[in-house]
């Protein structure tokens, strides 16, 4: 499975590397509608790339421990290992 071929998945991972957010926060940050973001979050969470926790009525998403994000001047590198051992 190559989830990182989807630019939206990359944008979500890069944004969540900065700080955990709920769907509404991701909507504001990425300028996309709720359905696209929720669908992408479900795929990333299903692979083990994201974790979430309920805080009151909001589901807060953050990178799982399987994610390594490194950034340098103009490039971002992301390494993800799925639960089944495949690389994204």
Protein backbone atom coordinates (compact mmCIF):
# COMPACT_ATOMS: atom_id res chain seq x y z
CA UNK A 1 0.00 0.00 0.00
CA UNK A 2 1.38 3.39 -0.95
CA UNK A 3 -0.57 5.89 1.13
CA UNK A 4 2.15 8.51 0.80
CA UNK A 5 1.56 8.78 -2.93
CA UNK A 6 -1.55 10.78 -2.02
CA UNK A 7 -0.60 14.46 -1.55
CA UNK A 8 -3.39 14.95 1.00
CA UNK A 9 -1.97 12.20 3.21
CA UNK A 10 1.42 13.89 3.09
CA UNK A 11 -0.07 17.27 3.94
CA UNK A 12 -1.92 15.78 6.93
CA UNK A 13 1.21 14.03 8.24
CA UNK A 14 3.32 17.17 7.86
CA UNK A 15 0.70 19.29 9.64
CA UNK A 16 0.23 16.81 12.48
CA UNK A 17 4.02 16.71 12.93
CA UNK A 18 3.68 20.29 14.18
CA UNK A 19 0.92 19.57 16.72
CA UNK A 20 -2.12 17.33 17.25
CA UNK A 21 -5.39 18.59 15.75
CA UNK A 22 -9.02 17.63 15.35
CA UNK A 23 -10.79 17.47 11.98
CA UNK A 24 -11.89 21.10 12.26
CA UNK A 25 -8.32 22.23 12.89
CA UNK A 26 -7.13 20.27 9.88
CA UNK A 27 -9.90 21.81 7.77
CA UNK A 28 -8.70 25.28 8.73
CA UNK A 29 -5.03 24.43 8.23
CA UNK A 30 -5.45 22.67 4.88
CA UNK A 31 -8.46 24.50 3.45
CA UNK A 32 -10.33 21.31 2.56
CA UNK A 33 -13.76 19.94 3.36
CA UNK A 34 -14.49 17.59 6.25
CA UNK A 35 -15.30 14.55 4.12
CA UNK A 36 -11.93 14.51 2.32
CA UNK A 37 -10.01 14.97 5.56
CA UNK A 38 -12.02 12.36 7.46
CA UNK A 39 -11.53 9.80 4.68
CA UNK A 40 -7.77 10.40 4.63
CA UNK A 41 -7.57 10.25 8.44
CA UNK A 42 -9.34 6.89 8.45
CA UNK A 43 -6.84 5.44 5.97
CA UNK A 44 -3.83 6.81 7.86
CA UNK A 45 -5.18 5.63 11.19
CA UNK A 46 -6.00 2.20 9.78
CA UNK A 47 -2.41 1.79 8.66
CA UNK A 48 -1.13 2.78 12.08
CA UNK A 49 0.34 6.12 10.99
CA UNK A 50 -2.01 8.09 13.27
CA UNK A 51 -3.43 7.74 16.75
CA UNK A 52 -6.41 9.57 18.16
CA UNK A 53 -8.05 10.28 21.48
CA UNK A 54 -11.40 11.73 22.41
CA UNK A 55 -11.28 15.00 24.31
CA UNK A 56 -14.82 16.00 25.26
CA UNK A 57 -16.68 15.91 21.93
CA UNK A 58 -13.60 16.17 19.70
CA UNK A 59 -11.39 13.44 18.27
CA UNK A 60 -7.77 14.67 18.38
CA UNK A 61 -5.34 13.14 15.87
CA UNK A 62 -1.57 12.89 16.26
CA UNK A 63 1.28 10.99 14.63
CA UNK A 64 1.84 7.52 15.99
CA UNK A 65 5.20 6.36 17.27
CA UNK A 66 5.71 4.62 13.90
CA UNK A 67 6.16 7.97 12.17
CA UNK A 68 9.44 9.78 11.82
CA UNK A 69 9.29 13.23 10.32
CA UNK A 70 12.40 15.22 9.59
CA UNK A 71 12.56 18.60 7.99
CA UNK A 72 15.44 20.60 6.62
CA UNK A 73 15.50 23.91 4.78
CA UNK A 74 13.26 23.08 1.84
CA UNK A 75 12.57 19.36 2.15
CA UNK A 76 10.54 17.14 4.43
CA UNK A 77 11.23 13.45 4.80
CA UNK A 78 8.66 11.07 6.23
CA UNK A 79 9.26 7.43 7.06
CA UNK A 80 6.29 5.29 7.99
CA UNK A 81 6.16 1.63 8.79
CA UNK A 82 2.71 0.03 8.61
CA UNK A 83 1.48 -2.49 11.13
CA UNK A 84 2.00 -5.23 8.56
CA UNK A 85 5.63 -4.18 8.09
CA UNK A 86 5.24 -2.62 4.64
CA UNK A 87 6.64 0.82 4.00
CA UNK A 88 4.23 3.47 2.85
